[in-house]
C-alpha atoms as a PDB file:
ATOM      1  CA  UNK A   1     -28.677  -7.354  25.668  1.00  0.00           C
ATOM      2  CA  UNK A   2     -25.389  -8.334  27.260  1.00  0.00           C
ATOM      3  CA  UNK A   3     -22.444  -8.364  24.855  1.00  0.00           C
ATOM      4  CA  UNK A   4     -21.504 -11.962  25.723  1.00  0.00           C
ATOM      5  CA  UNK A   5     -24.777 -13.146  24.157  1.00  0.00           C
ATOM      6  CA  UNK A   6     -23.758 -11.563  20.849  1.00  0.00           C
ATOM      7  CA  UNK A   7     -20.478 -13.487  20.612  1.00  0.00           C
ATOM      8  CA  UNK A   8     -19.566 -16.835  19.103  1.00  0.00           C
ATOM      9  CA  UNK A   9     -17.248 -19.367  20.734  1.00  0.00           C
ATOM     10  CA  UNK A  10     -14.202 -17.429  19.470  1.00  0.00           C
ATOM     11  CA  UNK A  11     -15.328 -14.113  20.980  1.00  0.00           C
ATOM     12  CA  UNK A  12     -16.343 -12.598  17.629  1.00  0.00           C
ATOM     13  CA  UNK A  13     -19.770 -11.172  16.884  1.00  0.00           C
ATOM     14  CA  UNK A  14     -22.213 -13.744  15.535  1.00  0.00           C
ATOM     15  CA  UNK A  15     -23.720 -11.098  13.235  1.00  0.00           C
ATOM     16  CA  UNK A  16     -21.411  -8.396  11.887  1.00  0.00           C
ATOM     17  CA  UNK A  17     -24.416  -6.176  11.132  1.00  0.00           C
ATOM     18  CA  UNK A  18     -25.029  -5.448  14.841  1.00  0.00           C
ATOM     19  CA  UNK A  19     -21.529  -3.957  15.179  1.00  0.00           C
ATOM     20  CA  UNK A  20     -20.961  -0.422  16.372  1.00  0.00           C
ATOM     21  CA  UNK A  21     -18.017   1.423  17.886  1.00  0.00           C
ATOM     22  CA  UNK A  22     -19.366   0.926  21.398  1.00  0.00           C
ATOM     23  CA  UNK A  23     -19.328  -2.857  20.939  1.00  0.00           C
ATOM     24  CA  UNK A  24     -15.801  -2.655  19.516  1.00  0.00           C
ATOM     25  CA  UNK A  25     -14.646  -0.642  22.523  1.00  0.00           C
ATOM     26  CA  UNK A  26     -16.243  -3.152  24.897  1.00  0.00           C
ATOM     27  CA  UNK A  27     -14.532  -6.070  23.158  1.00  0.00           C
ATOM     28  CA  UNK A  28     -11.178  -4.277  23.290  1.00  0.00           C
ATOM     29  CA  UNK A  29     -11.721  -3.399  26.939  1.00  0.00           C
ATOM     30  CA  UNK A  30     -12.324  -7.072  27.702  1.00  0.00           C
ATOM     31  CA  UNK A  31      -8.844  -7.667  26.206  1.00  0.00           C
ATOM     32  CA  UNK A  32      -7.424  -4.718  28.204  1.00  0.00           C
ATOM     33  CA  UNK A  33      -6.840  -2.625  25.079  1.00  0.00           C
ATOM     34  CA  UNK A  34      -7.841   1.010  24.737  1.00  0.00           C
ATOM     35  CA  UNK A  35      -8.570   1.800  21.106  1.00  0.00           C
ATOM     36  CA  UNK A  36      -6.781   4.814  19.649  1.00  0.00           C
ATOM     37  CA  UNK A  37      -7.307   6.674  16.391  1.00  0.00           C
ATOM     38  CA  UNK A  38      -4.701   4.385  14.802  1.00  0.00           C
ATOM     39  CA  UNK A  39      -6.649   1.290  15.915  1.00  0.00           C
ATOM     40  CA  UNK A  40      -9.876   2.736  14.504  1.00  0.00           C
ATOM     41  CA  UNK A  41      -8.260   3.322  11.093  1.00  0.00           C
ATOM     42  CA  UNK A  42      -7.348  -0.356  10.865  1.00  0.00           C
ATOM     43  CA  UNK A  43     -10.679  -1.553  12.296  1.00  0.00           C
ATOM     44  CA  UNK A  44     -12.684   0.467   9.781  1.00  0.00           C
ATOM     45  CA  UNK A  45     -10.454  -0.722   6.927  1.00  0.00           C
ATOM     46  CA  UNK A  46     -10.914  -4.360   7.983  1.00  0.00           C
ATOM     47  CA  UNK A  47     -14.697  -3.844   8.055  1.00  0.00           C
ATOM     48  CA  UNK A  48     -14.583  -2.228   4.618  1.00  0.00           C
ATOM     49  CA  UNK A  49     -12.637  -5.164   3.179  1.00  0.00           C
ATOM     50  CA  UNK A  50     -15.078  -7.613   4.751  1.00  0.00           C
ATOM     51  CA  UNK A  51     -18.187  -5.835   3.443  1.00  0.00           C
ATOM     52  CA  UNK A  52     -16.685  -5.765  -0.049  1.00  0.00           C
ATOM     53  CA  UNK A  53     -15.395  -9.352  -0.118  1.00  0.00           C
ATOM     54  CA  UNK A  54     -17.315 -11.214   2.636  1.00  0.00           C
ATOM     55  CA  UNK A  55     -13.911 -12.553   3.679  1.00  0.00           C
ATOM     56  CA  UNK A  56     -11.777 -11.701   6.666  1.00  0.00           C
ATOM     57  CA  UNK A  57      -8.582 -10.270   5.168  1.00  0.00           C
ATOM     58  CA  UNK A  58      -5.314 -12.145   5.656  1.00  0.00           C
ATOM     59  CA  UNK A  59      -2.243 -10.153   6.726  1.00  0.00           C
ATOM     60  CA  UNK A  60      -0.872  -9.609   3.204  1.00  0.00           C
ATOM     61  CA  UNK A  61      -4.165  -8.258   1.897  1.00  0.00           C
ATOM     62  CA  UNK A  62      -4.559  -6.005   4.940  1.00  0.00           C
ATOM     63  CA  UNK A  63      -1.053  -4.593   4.501  1.00  0.00           C
ATOM     64  CA  UNK A  64      -1.738  -3.983   0.797  1.00  0.00           C
ATOM     65  CA  UNK A  65      -5.011  -2.218   1.680  1.00  0.00           C
ATOM     66  CA  UNK A  66      -3.232  -0.058   4.269  1.00  0.00           C
ATOM     67  CA  UNK A  67      -0.652   0.908   1.648  1.00  0.00           C
ATOM     68  CA  UNK A  68      -3.354   1.888  -0.850  1.00  0.00           C
ATOM     69  CA  UNK A  69      -6.011   3.375   1.448  1.00  0.00           C
ATOM     70  CA  UNK A  70      -4.178   4.775   4.459  1.00  0.00           C
ATOM     71  CA  UNK A  71      -0.431   5.369   4.419  1.00  0.00           C
ATOM     72  CA  UNK A  72       2.381   3.411   2.734  1.00  0.00           C
ATOM     73  CA  UNK A  73       4.702   4.219   5.653  1.00  0.00           C
ATOM     74  CA  UNK A  74       2.586   2.187   8.110  1.00  0.00           C
ATOM     75  CA  UNK A  75       1.881  -0.669   5.696  1.00  0.00           C
ATOM     76  CA  UNK A  76       3.845  -3.373   7.494  1.00  0.00           C
ATOM     77  CA  UNK A  77       3.341  -6.105  10.043  1.00  0.00           C
ATOM     78  CA  UNK A  78       5.527  -4.364  12.662  1.00  0.00           C
ATOM     79  CA  UNK A  79       3.080  -1.467  12.812  1.00  0.00           C
ATOM     80  CA  UNK A  80       0.116  -3.823  13.093  1.00  0.00           C
ATOM     81  CA  UNK A  81       1.772  -5.800  15.888  1.00  0.00           C
ATOM     82  CA  UNK A  82       2.410  -2.539  17.768  1.00  0.00           C
ATOM     83  CA  UNK A  83      -1.326  -1.889  17.713  1.00  0.00           C
ATOM     84  CA  UNK A  84      -2.584  -5.452  18.127  1.00  0.00           C
ATOM     85  CA  UNK A  85       0.260  -7.331  19.823  1.00  0.00           C
ATOM     86  CA  UNK A  86      -1.666 -10.570  20.307  1.00  0.00           C
ATOM     87  CA  UNK A  87      -2.379 -11.108  16.605  1.00  0.00           C
ATOM     88  CA  UNK A  88      -3.216  -8.123  14.380  1.00  0.00           C
ATOM     89  CA  UNK A  89      -5.580  -9.800  11.932  1.00  0.00           C
ATOM     90  CA  UNK A  90      -7.436 -11.756  14.609  1.00  0.00           C
ATOM     91  CA  UNK A  91      -7.861  -8.806  16.981  1.00  0.00           C
ATOM     92  CA  UNK A  92      -8.636  -6.220  14.298  1.00  0.00           C
ATOM     93  CA  UNK A  93     -11.266  -8.609  12.933  1.00  0.00           C
ATOM     94  CA  UNK A  94     -12.693  -9.213  16.391  1.00  0.00           C
ATOM     95  CA  UNK A  95     -13.027  -5.490  17.123  1.00  0.00           C
ATOM     96  CA  UNK A  96     -14.384  -4.894  13.613  1.00  0.00           C
ATOM     97  CA  UNK A  97     -17.186  -7.327  14.391  1.00  0.00           C
ATOM     98  CA  UNK A  98     -16.355  -9.768  11.626  1.00  0.00           C
ATOM     99  CA  UNK A  99     -15.698 -13.529  11.800  1.00  0.00           C
ATOM    100  CA  UNK A 100     -12.453 -14.957  13.069  1.00  0.00           C
ATOM    101  CA  UNK A 101     -10.001 -15.408  10.196  1.00  0.00           C
ATOM    102  CA  UNK A 102      -9.983 -18.963   8.896  1.00  0.00           C
ATOM    103  CA  UNK A 103      -6.187 -19.013   8.885  1.00  0.00           C
ATOM    104  CA  UNK A 104      -5.883 -18.051  12.597  1.00  0.00           C
ATOM    105  CA  UNK A 105      -5.837 -20.583  15.394  1.00  0.00           C
END
């Protein structure tokens, strides 16, 4: 199945359960982003938050989760914008295969 058929109107997966790292890489490639180990850390954390809460995490919650689960030194919006310059929460959610955040345009 072609990846485009799996996406909603916002470019996010219609069903987060079909997600895998290959799909994430394809989505990032479509946005001309090559995912690094640092991207994957954030992507997996966003997926974890979503599976636990069924909600796409807003920036503050994501930063708090980074501080607790990853590294307090990278727990800030500057770091996230370095990785996902066109909107950290929106892009991390997109590559994590979860719905577009309600608070993002």
